[in-house]
């Protein structure tokens, strides 16, 4: 060879336009998730502003659901309509499932799951702990979620593969992290109660058994806010336990006979790093 150089290893010429499926899929997913997140933030933010600034002084119950104390107000309905109208305008091929009855089948593989006002009783009474929840599923798997708590001026959001974050005037923008799980007797836990009297009685018995075992129990009135507070390290855990309704396929049936409770409660979120 000229100059005494040995030929190097054979390297096949790179073909232009060579497909890289994994990278392409990842890029497409990232772009889609960013689009869904921005829409969820906008929808939840607008609904939160409507609920905060538009609450009538004479707000009353518009309807009830599972029991006379499981209430819906005109503002629940207005907030859900605002969210669903915005989503339908921006992404008309997506499906929708709303707490207050909004439902539509989609063709895109994306479905939005919406609770326009979590903590309606608090809102009805003028208490500040309530939230708007907007999430997006892709082929049945959650990929984006937003919870905004307007009276705390705080918004939580999570995207699959990117972690969970909070923004607000209280502590700025930060990545969420649970507290290290403490011994049970040092745990501050939160819970919620059902609106059906028989289930509430069962839950009260569970709370009676639990309270001597933990630091204390909180009952804020919005499970969405409670779960975000667990994620932010403000609570050590959240649980809600009640007999299952008929048709669930489990042996714990509601409101008939039940087997002896298992401990700890099945439905629980415990803080962990």
C-alpha atoms as a PDB file:
ATOM      1  CA  UNK A   1       0.000   0.000   0.000  1.00  0.00           C
ATOM      2  CA  UNK A   2       1.234   3.541  -0.657  1.00  0.00           C
ATOM      3  CA  UNK A   3       3.070   4.982   2.318  1.00  0.00           C
ATOM      4  CA  UNK A   4       3.194   1.545   3.950  1.00  0.00           C
ATOM      5  CA  UNK A   5      -0.287   1.991   5.475  1.00  0.00           C
ATOM      6  CA  UNK A   6      -2.289  -1.124   6.159  1.00  0.00           C
ATOM      7  CA  UNK A   7      -5.934  -1.107   5.222  1.00  0.00           C
ATOM      8  CA  UNK A   8      -8.215  -0.502   8.156  1.00  0.00           C
ATOM      9  CA  UNK A   9     -11.172  -2.687   9.121  1.00  0.00           C
ATOM     10  CA  UNK A  10     -13.959  -2.824   6.610  1.00  0.00           C
ATOM     11  CA  UNK A  11     -16.758  -0.393   7.459  1.00  0.00           C
ATOM     12  CA  UNK A  12     -19.883  -0.674   5.380  1.00  0.00           C
ATOM     13  CA  UNK A  13     -21.118   2.614   4.038  1.00  0.00           C
ATOM     14  CA  UNK A  14     -23.896   4.119   6.128  1.00  0.00           C
ATOM     15  CA  UNK A  15     -27.098   4.200   4.190  1.00  0.00           C
ATOM     16  CA  UNK A  16     -28.951   7.455   4.227  1.00  0.00           C
ATOM     17  CA  UNK A  17     -32.279   7.300   5.971  1.00  0.00           C
ATOM     18  CA  UNK A  18     -31.379   4.228   8.005  1.00  0.00           C
ATOM     19  CA  UNK A  19     -34.227   3.523  10.402  1.00  0.00           C
ATOM     20  CA  UNK A  20     -33.699   3.707  14.141  1.00  0.00           C
ATOM     21  CA  UNK A  21     -37.093   2.630  15.501  1.00  0.00           C
ATOM     22  CA  UNK A  22     -36.375   2.953  19.234  1.00  0.00           C
ATOM     23  CA  UNK A  23     -34.974   6.470  18.976  1.00  0.00           C
ATOM     24  CA  UNK A  24     -37.791   7.566  16.689  1.00  0.00           C
ATOM     25  CA  UNK A  25     -40.428   6.133  19.019  1.00  0.00           C
ATOM     26  CA  UNK A  26     -38.800   7.828  22.000  1.00  0.00           C
ATOM     27  CA  UNK A  27     -38.691  11.177  20.211  1.00  0.00           C
ATOM     28  CA  UNK A  28     -42.323  10.857  19.142  1.00  0.00           C
ATOM     29  CA  UNK A  29     -43.387   9.909  22.677  1.00  0.00           C
ATOM     30  CA  UNK A  30     -41.468  12.827  24.192  1.00  0.00           C
ATOM     31  CA  UNK A  31     -43.121  15.281  21.819  1.00  0.00           C
ATOM     32  CA  UNK A  32     -46.559  13.791  22.470  1.00  0.00           C
ATOM     33  CA  UNK A  33     -46.113  13.812  26.247  1.00  0.00           C
ATOM     34  CA  UNK A  34     -44.990  17.445  26.143  1.00  0.00           C
ATOM     35  CA  UNK A  35     -48.073  18.356  24.112  1.00  0.00           C
ATOM     36  CA  UNK A  36     -50.365  16.484  26.507  1.00  0.00           C
ATOM     37  CA  UNK A  37     -48.709  18.065  29.546  1.00  0.00           C
ATOM     38  CA  UNK A  38     -49.116  21.592  28.210  1.00  0.00           C
ATOM     39  CA  UNK A  39     -52.776  20.955  27.436  1.00  0.00           C
ATOM     40  CA  UNK A  40     -53.396  19.394  30.861  1.00  0.00           C
ATOM     41  CA  UNK A  41     -51.715  22.329  32.608  1.00  0.00           C
ATOM     42  CA  UNK A  42     -53.763  24.815  30.615  1.00  0.00           C
ATOM     43  CA  UNK A  43     -57.056  22.980  31.154  1.00  0.00           C
ATOM     44  CA  UNK A  44     -56.523  22.483  34.890  1.00  0.00           C
ATOM     45  CA  UNK A  45     -55.300  26.053  35.307  1.00  0.00           C
ATOM     46  CA  UNK A  46     -58.294  27.588  33.545  1.00  0.00           C
ATOM     47  CA  UNK A  47     -60.732  25.408  35.478  1.00  0.00           C
ATOM     48  CA  UNK A  48     -59.008  26.322  38.738  1.00  0.00           C
ATOM     49  CA  UNK A  49     -59.319  30.029  37.951  1.00  0.00           C
ATOM     50  CA  UNK A  50     -63.009  29.585  37.120  1.00  0.00           C
ATOM     51  CA  UNK A  51     -63.650  27.785  40.398  1.00  0.00           C
ATOM     52  CA  UNK A  52     -61.627  30.218  42.494  1.00  0.00           C
ATOM     53  CA  UNK A  53     -62.829  33.469  40.932  1.00  0.00           C
ATOM     54  CA  UNK A  54     -66.318  32.478  39.828  1.00  0.00           C
ATOM     55  CA  UNK A  55     -67.707  30.875  42.979  1.00  0.00           C
ATOM     56  CA  UNK A  56     -71.177  32.354  43.624  1.00  0.00           C
ATOM     57  CA  UNK A  57     -71.888  33.647  47.115  1.00  0.00           C
ATOM     58  CA  UNK A  58     -75.128  31.643  47.121  1.00  0.00           C
ATOM     59  CA  UNK A  59     -73.600  28.414  45.791  1.00  0.00           C
ATOM     60  CA  UNK A  60     -75.989  25.503  46.276  1.00  0.00           C
ATOM     61  CA  UNK A  61     -76.181  21.788  45.552  1.00  0.00           C
ATOM     62  CA  UNK A  62     -77.157  21.075  41.940  1.00  0.00           C
ATOM     63  CA  UNK A  63     -77.380  17.263  42.184  1.00  0.00           C
ATOM     64  CA  UNK A  64     -76.330  14.266  44.262  1.00  0.00           C
ATOM     65  CA  UNK A  65     -74.608  11.016  43.299  1.00  0.00           C
ATOM     66  CA  UNK A  66     -74.089   7.993  45.563  1.00  0.00           C
ATOM     67  CA  UNK A  67     -75.970   9.482  48.532  1.00  0.00           C
ATOM     68  CA  UNK A  68     -77.656  12.746  49.627  1.00  0.00           C
ATOM     69  CA  UNK A  69     -74.318  14.009  50.989  1.00  0.00           C
ATOM     70  CA  UNK A  70     -72.336  13.139  47.828  1.00  0.00           C
ATOM     71  CA  UNK A  71     -72.999  16.465  46.151  1.00  0.00           C
ATOM     72  CA  UNK A  72     -72.411  18.156  42.810  1.00  0.00           C
ATOM     73  CA  UNK A  73     -72.544  21.927  42.368  1.00  0.00           C
ATOM     74  CA  UNK A  74     -73.079  23.996  39.249  1.00  0.00           C
ATOM     75  CA  UNK A  75     -69.372  24.844  39.427  1.00  0.00           C
ATOM     76  CA  UNK A  76     -68.347  21.161  39.172  1.00  0.00           C
ATOM     77  CA  UNK A  77     -70.343  20.982  35.958  1.00  0.00           C
ATOM     78  CA  UNK A  78     -69.036  24.287  34.605  1.00  0.00           C
ATOM     79  CA  UNK A  79     -65.419  23.328  35.291  1.00  0.00           C
ATOM     80  CA  UNK A  80     -65.819  19.945  33.599  1.00  0.00           C
ATOM     81  CA  UNK A  81     -67.387  21.586  30.543  1.00  0.00           C
ATOM     82  CA  UNK A  82     -64.532  24.081  30.312  1.00  0.00           C
ATOM     83  CA  UNK A  83     -61.945  21.282  30.419  1.00  0.00           C
ATOM     84  CA  UNK A  84     -63.710  18.969  27.979  1.00  0.00           C
ATOM     85  CA  UNK A  85     -64.448  21.777  25.508  1.00  0.00           C
ATOM     86  CA  UNK A  86     -60.781  22.788  25.483  1.00  0.00           C
ATOM     87  CA  UNK A  87     -59.592  19.214  24.958  1.00  0.00           C
ATOM     88  CA  UNK A  88     -62.174  18.555  22.235  1.00  0.00           C
ATOM     89  CA  UNK A  89     -61.078  21.705  20.418  1.00  0.00           C
ATOM     90  CA  UNK A  90     -57.345  20.914  20.597  1.00  0.00           C
ATOM     91  CA  UNK A  91     -57.456  17.119  20.252  1.00  0.00           C
ATOM     92  CA  UNK A  92     -60.827  16.057  18.826  1.00  0.00           C
ATOM     93  CA  UNK A  93     -59.782  12.422  18.287  1.00  0.00           C
ATOM     94  CA  UNK A  94     -59.074  11.796  21.990  1.00  0.00           C
ATOM     95  CA  UNK A  95     -61.440  10.030  24.379  1.00  0.00           C
ATOM     96  CA  UNK A  96     -62.746  11.611  27.586  1.00  0.00           C
ATOM     97  CA  UNK A  97     -63.908  10.226  30.942  1.00  0.00           C
ATOM     98  CA  UNK A  98     -65.193  12.844  33.391  1.00  0.00           C
ATOM     99  CA  UNK A  99     -66.211  12.552  37.035  1.00  0.00           C
ATOM    100  CA  UNK A 100     -69.451  14.431  36.397  1.00  0.00           C
ATOM    101  CA  UNK A 101     -70.563  12.386  33.406  1.00  0.00           C
ATOM    102  CA  UNK A 102     -68.607  13.595  30.382  1.00  0.00           C
ATOM    103  CA  UNK A 103     -67.745  10.585  28.241  1.00  0.00           C
ATOM    104  CA  UNK A 104     -66.668  10.098  24.651  1.00  0.00           C
ATOM    105  CA  UNK A 105     -64.840   7.394  22.735  1.00  0.00           C
ATOM    106  CA  UNK A 106     -61.683   8.389  20.931  1.00  0.00           C
ATOM    107  CA  UNK A 107     -59.675   7.008  18.041  1.00  0.00           C
ATOM    108  CA  UNK A 108     -56.201   8.354  18.890  1.00  0.00           C
ATOM    109  CA  UNK A 109     -55.327   5.960  21.723  1.00  0.00           C
ATOM    110  CA  UNK A 110     -55.347   8.896  24.171  1.00  0.00           C
ATOM    111  CA  UNK A 111     -58.045   9.183  26.827  1.00  0.00           C
ATOM    112  CA  UNK A 112     -58.400  12.061  29.274  1.00  0.00           C
ATOM    113  CA  UNK A 113     -59.516  11.295  32.842  1.00  0.00           C
ATOM    114  CA  UNK A 114     -60.904  14.346  34.618  1.00  0.00           C
ATOM    115  CA  UNK A 115     -62.092  15.274  38.089  1.00  0.00           C
ATOM    116  CA  UNK A 116     -63.021  18.946  37.716  1.00  0.00           C
ATOM    117  CA  UNK A 117     -63.422  19.510  41.460  1.00  0.00           C
ATOM    118  CA  UNK A 118     -62.037  17.059  44.002  1.00  0.00           C
ATOM    119  CA  UNK A 119     -63.212  18.227  47.402  1.00  0.00           C
ATOM    120  CA  UNK A 120     -66.663  19.489  46.421  1.00  0.00           C
ATOM    121  CA  UNK A 121     -67.985  19.570  49.994  1.00  0.00           C
ATOM    122  CA  UNK A 122     -65.013  21.701  51.070  1.00  0.00           C
ATOM    123  CA  UNK A 123     -65.679  24.006  48.122  1.00  0.00           C
ATOM    124  CA  UNK A 124     -69.391  24.202  48.948  1.00  0.00           C
ATOM    125  CA  UNK A 125     -68.599  25.295  52.512  1.00  0.00           C
ATOM    126  CA  UNK A 126     -65.848  27.727  51.518  1.00  0.00           C
ATOM    127  CA  UNK A 127     -62.975  25.598  52.813  1.00  0.00           C
ATOM    128  CA  UNK A 128     -59.729  25.942  50.823  1.00  0.00           C
ATOM    129  CA  UNK A 129     -58.698  22.302  50.335  1.00  0.00           C
ATOM    130  CA  UNK A 130     -59.916  21.304  46.876  1.00  0.00           C
ATOM    131  CA  UNK A 131     -58.278  20.625  43.536  1.00  0.00           C
ATOM    132  CA  UNK A 132     -58.688  20.084  39.808  1.00  0.00           C
ATOM    133  CA  UNK A 133     -57.276  16.837  38.392  1.00  0.00           C
ATOM    134  CA  UNK A 134     -56.573  16.210  34.698  1.00  0.00           C
ATOM    135  CA  UNK A 135     -54.725  13.132  33.429  1.00  0.00           C
ATOM    136  CA  UNK A 136     -54.048  11.512  30.067  1.00  0.00           C
ATOM    137  CA  UNK A 137     -53.771   7.805  29.310  1.00  0.00           C
ATOM    138  CA  UNK A 138     -52.145   6.277  26.256  1.00  0.00           C
ATOM    139  CA  UNK A 139     -53.556   2.862  25.388  1.00  0.00           C
ATOM    140  CA  UNK A 140     -54.825   2.527  28.955  1.00  0.00           C
ATOM    141  CA  UNK A 141     -51.555   3.517  30.662  1.00  0.00           C
ATOM    142  CA  UNK A 142     -51.255   6.878  32.478  1.00  0.00           C
ATOM    143  CA  UNK A 143     -48.614   9.095  30.873  1.00  0.00           C
ATOM    144  CA  UNK A 144     -49.396  12.642  32.067  1.00  0.00           C
ATOM    145  CA  UNK A 145     -51.120  13.965  35.187  1.00  0.00           C
ATOM    146  CA  UNK A 146     -51.787  17.421  36.621  1.00  0.00           C
ATOM    147  CA  UNK A 147     -53.329  18.411  39.955  1.00  0.00           C
ATOM    148  CA  UNK A 148     -53.801  22.086  40.693  1.00  0.00           C
ATOM    149  CA  UNK A 149     -54.820  23.435  44.109  1.00  0.00           C
ATOM    150  CA  UNK A 150     -55.785  27.062  43.396  1.00  0.00           C
ATOM    151  CA  UNK A 151     -56.297  28.183  46.997  1.00  0.00           C
ATOM    152  CA  UNK A 152     -52.731  27.069  47.757  1.00  0.00           C
ATOM    153  CA  UNK A 153     -51.484  28.537  44.461  1.00  0.00           C
ATOM    154  CA  UNK A 154     -49.771  25.232  43.790  1.00  0.00           C
ATOM    155  CA  UNK A 155     -49.702  22.835  40.845  1.00  0.00           C
ATOM    156  CA  UNK A 156     -48.330  19.297  40.712  1.00  0.00           C
ATOM    157  CA  UNK A 157     -47.515  17.497  37.481  1.00  0.00           C
ATOM    158  CA  UNK A 158     -45.969  14.225  36.394  1.00  0.00           C
ATOM    159  CA  UNK A 159     -44.919  12.772  33.043  1.00  0.00           C
ATOM    160  CA  UNK A 160     -44.000   9.149  32.425  1.00  0.00           C
ATOM    161  CA  UNK A 161     -40.218   8.854  32.519  1.00  0.00           C
ATOM    162  CA  UNK A 162     -39.637  12.423  33.729  1.00  0.00           C
ATOM    163  CA  UNK A 163     -40.623  12.276  37.389  1.00  0.00           C
ATOM    164  CA  UNK A 164     -43.094  14.417  39.330  1.00  0.00           C
ATOM    165  CA  UNK A 165     -42.784  18.131  40.034  1.00  0.00           C
ATOM    166  CA  UNK A 166     -44.535  20.931  41.893  1.00  0.00           C
ATOM    167  CA  UNK A 167     -44.689  24.651  41.249  1.00  0.00           C
ATOM    168  CA  UNK A 168     -46.086  27.306  43.542  1.00  0.00           C
ATOM    169  CA  UNK A 169     -45.399  30.425  45.549  1.00  0.00           C
ATOM    170  CA  UNK A 170     -44.911  28.431  48.744  1.00  0.00           C
ATOM    171  CA  UNK A 171     -41.794  26.498  47.785  1.00  0.00           C
ATOM    172  CA  UNK A 172     -41.059  27.424  44.166  1.00  0.00           C
ATOM    173  CA  UNK A 173     -40.442  24.743  41.534  1.00  0.00           C
ATOM    174  CA  UNK A 174     -39.085  21.461  42.826  1.00  0.00           C
ATOM    175  CA  UNK A 175     -38.958  17.759  42.085  1.00  0.00           C
ATOM    176  CA  UNK A 176     -41.197  15.766  44.388  1.00  0.00           C
ATOM    177  CA  UNK A 177     -39.782  13.271  46.850  1.00  0.00           C
ATOM    178  CA  UNK A 178     -41.542  11.321  49.578  1.00  0.00           C
ATOM    179  CA  UNK A 179     -40.263  11.391  53.115  1.00  0.00           C
ATOM    180  CA  UNK A 180     -38.273   8.331  54.183  1.00  0.00           C
ATOM    181  CA  UNK A 181     -40.790   5.855  55.597  1.00  0.00           C
ATOM    182  CA  UNK A 182     -40.773   6.237  59.406  1.00  0.00           C
ATOM    183  CA  UNK A 183     -41.705   3.656  62.030  1.00  0.00           C
ATOM    184  CA  UNK A 184     -45.485   3.319  62.082  1.00  0.00           C
ATOM    185  CA  UNK A 185     -45.825   4.982  65.486  1.00  0.00           C
ATOM    186  CA  UNK A 186     -44.141   8.114  64.069  1.00  0.00           C
ATOM    187  CA  UNK A 187     -46.164   8.277  60.850  1.00  0.00           C
ATOM    188  CA  UNK A 188     -48.509  11.154  60.043  1.00  0.00           C
ATOM    189  CA  UNK A 189     -51.156   9.692  57.746  1.00  0.00           C
ATOM    190  CA  UNK A 190     -54.211  11.016  55.969  1.00  0.00           C
ATOM    191  CA  UNK A 191     -57.477   9.357  55.034  1.00  0.00           C
ATOM    192  CA  UNK A 192     -60.854   9.949  53.440  1.00  0.00           C
ATOM    193  CA  UNK A 193     -64.386   8.734  54.041  1.00  0.00           C
ATOM    194  CA  UNK A 194     -67.056   7.412  51.720  1.00  0.00           C
ATOM    195  CA  UNK A 195     -70.439   9.116  51.303  1.00  0.00           C
ATOM    196  CA  UNK A 196     -72.485   5.963  52.009  1.00  0.00           C
ATOM    197  CA  UNK A 197     -73.369   5.646  55.704  1.00  0.00           C
ATOM    198  CA  UNK A 198     -72.680   1.913  56.011  1.00  0.00           C
ATOM    199  CA  UNK A 199     -69.247   2.289  54.435  1.00  0.00           C
ATOM    200  CA  UNK A 200     -68.428   5.324  56.591  1.00  0.00           C
ATOM    201  CA  UNK A 201     -69.217   3.342  59.742  1.00  0.00           C
ATOM    202  CA  UNK A 202     -66.787   0.648  58.608  1.00  0.00           C
ATOM    203  CA  UNK A 203     -64.113   3.257  57.853  1.00  0.00           C
ATOM    204  CA  UNK A 204     -64.599   4.853  61.276  1.00  0.00           C
ATOM    205  CA  UNK A 205     -63.906   1.476  62.886  1.00  0.00           C
ATOM    206  CA  UNK A 206     -60.707   1.155  60.838  1.00  0.00           C
ATOM    207  CA  UNK A 207     -59.598   4.655  61.912  1.00  0.00           C
ATOM    208  CA  UNK A 208     -60.327   3.791  65.541  1.00  0.00           C
ATOM    209  CA  UNK A 209     -57.991   0.810  65.262  1.00  0.00           C
ATOM    210  CA  UNK A 210     -55.300   2.796  63.479  1.00  0.00           C
ATOM    211  CA  UNK A 211     -55.061   5.994  65.521  1.00  0.00           C
ATOM    212  CA  UNK A 212     -53.337   4.433  68.578  1.00  0.00           C
ATOM    213  CA  UNK A 213     -50.681   3.027  66.239  1.00  0.00           C
ATOM    214  CA  UNK A 214     -49.578   6.227  64.446  1.00  0.00           C
ATOM    215  CA  UNK A 215     -48.444   9.763  65.252  1.00  0.00           C
ATOM    216  CA  UNK A 216     -51.784  11.194  64.088  1.00  0.00           C
ATOM    217  CA  UNK A 217     -54.409  11.100  61.336  1.00  0.00           C
ATOM    218  CA  UNK A 218     -55.421  13.965  59.048  1.00  0.00           C
ATOM    219  CA  UNK A 219     -58.615  14.184  56.992  1.00  0.00           C
ATOM    220  CA  UNK A 220     -58.263  17.022  54.477  1.00  0.00           C
ATOM    221  CA  UNK A 221     -61.281  16.346  52.279  1.00  0.00           C
ATOM    222  CA  UNK A 222     -59.502  16.029  48.916  1.00  0.00           C
ATOM    223  CA  UNK A 223     -57.744  12.755  48.151  1.00  0.00           C
ATOM    224  CA  UNK A 224     -55.958  14.388  45.203  1.00  0.00           C
ATOM    225  CA  UNK A 225     -54.376  16.986  47.497  1.00  0.00           C
ATOM    226  CA  UNK A 226     -53.562  14.370  50.145  1.00  0.00           C
ATOM    227  CA  UNK A 227     -51.753  12.149  47.643  1.00  0.00           C
ATOM    228  CA  UNK A 228     -49.785  15.110  46.300  1.00  0.00           C
ATOM    229  CA  UNK A 229     -48.803  15.974  49.865  1.00  0.00           C
ATOM    230  CA  UNK A 230     -47.509  12.423  50.326  1.00  0.00           C
ATOM    231  CA  UNK A 231     -45.457  12.828  47.142  1.00  0.00           C
ATOM    232  CA  UNK A 232     -44.154  16.197  48.393  1.00  0.00           C
ATOM    233  CA  UNK A 233     -43.074  14.794  51.766  1.00  0.00           C
ATOM    234  CA  UNK A 234     -45.706  16.629  53.819  1.00  0.00           C
ATOM    235  CA  UNK A 235     -47.463  13.438  54.886  1.00  0.00           C
ATOM    236  CA  UNK A 236     -46.037  10.001  55.545  1.00  0.00           C
ATOM    237  CA  UNK A 237     -48.931   8.150  53.954  1.00  0.00           C
ATOM    238  CA  UNK A 238     -52.532   8.053  52.786  1.00  0.00           C
ATOM    239  CA  UNK A 239     -55.051   5.251  53.145  1.00  0.00           C
ATOM    240  CA  UNK A 240     -58.719   4.734  52.476  1.00  0.00           C
ATOM    241  CA  UNK A 241     -60.387   1.484  53.389  1.00  0.00           C
ATOM    242  CA  UNK A 242     -63.966   0.409  52.853  1.00  0.00           C
ATOM    243  CA  UNK A 243     -65.967  -2.677  51.925  1.00  0.00           C
ATOM    244  CA  UNK A 244     -66.117  -3.301  48.202  1.00  0.00           C
ATOM    245  CA  UNK A 245     -69.370  -2.796  46.381  1.00  0.00           C
ATOM    246  CA  UNK A 246     -71.267  -5.748  44.908  1.00  0.00           C
ATOM    247  CA  UNK A 247     -69.915  -7.028  41.616  1.00  0.00           C
ATOM    248  CA  UNK A 248     -66.278  -6.356  42.460  1.00  0.00           C
ATOM    249  CA  UNK A 249     -65.467 -10.069  42.522  1.00  0.00           C
ATOM    250  CA  UNK A 250     -63.884  -9.829  45.985  1.00  0.00           C
ATOM    251  CA  UNK A 251     -65.070 -11.550  49.123  1.00  0.00           C
ATOM    252  CA  UNK A 252     -65.363  -8.228  50.957  1.00  0.00           C
ATOM    253  CA  UNK A 253     -68.834  -7.308  49.743  1.00  0.00           C
ATOM    254  CA  UNK A 254     -70.868  -4.198  50.414  1.00  0.00           C
ATOM    255  CA  UNK A 255     -73.171  -3.944  52.312  1.00  0.00           C
ATOM    256  CA  UNK A 256     -73.526  -7.641  53.239  1.00  0.00           C
ATOM    257  CA  UNK A 257     -71.445  -9.838  55.490  1.00  0.00           C
ATOM    258  CA  UNK A 258     -67.717  -9.251  55.470  1.00  0.00           C
ATOM    259  CA  UNK A 259     -64.747 -11.325  56.441  1.00  0.00           C
ATOM    260  CA  UNK A 260     -62.432 -10.124  59.179  1.00  0.00           C
ATOM    261  CA  UNK A 261     -60.399  -7.076  58.114  1.00  0.00           C
ATOM    262  CA  UNK A 262     -56.846  -7.534  57.015  1.00  0.00           C
ATOM    263  CA  UNK A 263     -54.248  -5.148  58.361  1.00  0.00           C
ATOM    264  CA  UNK A 264     -52.827  -2.857  57.096  1.00  0.00           C
ATOM    265  CA  UNK A 265     -55.566  -1.489  54.821  1.00  0.00           C
ATOM    266  CA  UNK A 266     -55.383  -2.616  51.203  1.00  0.00           C
ATOM    267  CA  UNK A 267     -55.675   0.834  49.670  1.00  0.00           C
ATOM    268  CA  UNK A 268     -52.682   2.709  50.972  1.00  0.00           C
ATOM    269  CA  UNK A 269     -49.889   4.918  49.706  1.00  0.00           C
ATOM    270  CA  UNK A 270     -46.856   4.942  51.975  1.00  0.00           C
ATOM    271  CA  UNK A 271     -44.073   7.485  51.709  1.00  0.00           C
ATOM    272  CA  UNK A 272     -40.777   6.065  50.502  1.00  0.00           C
ATOM    273  CA  UNK A 273     -37.632   7.326  48.859  1.00  0.00           C
END
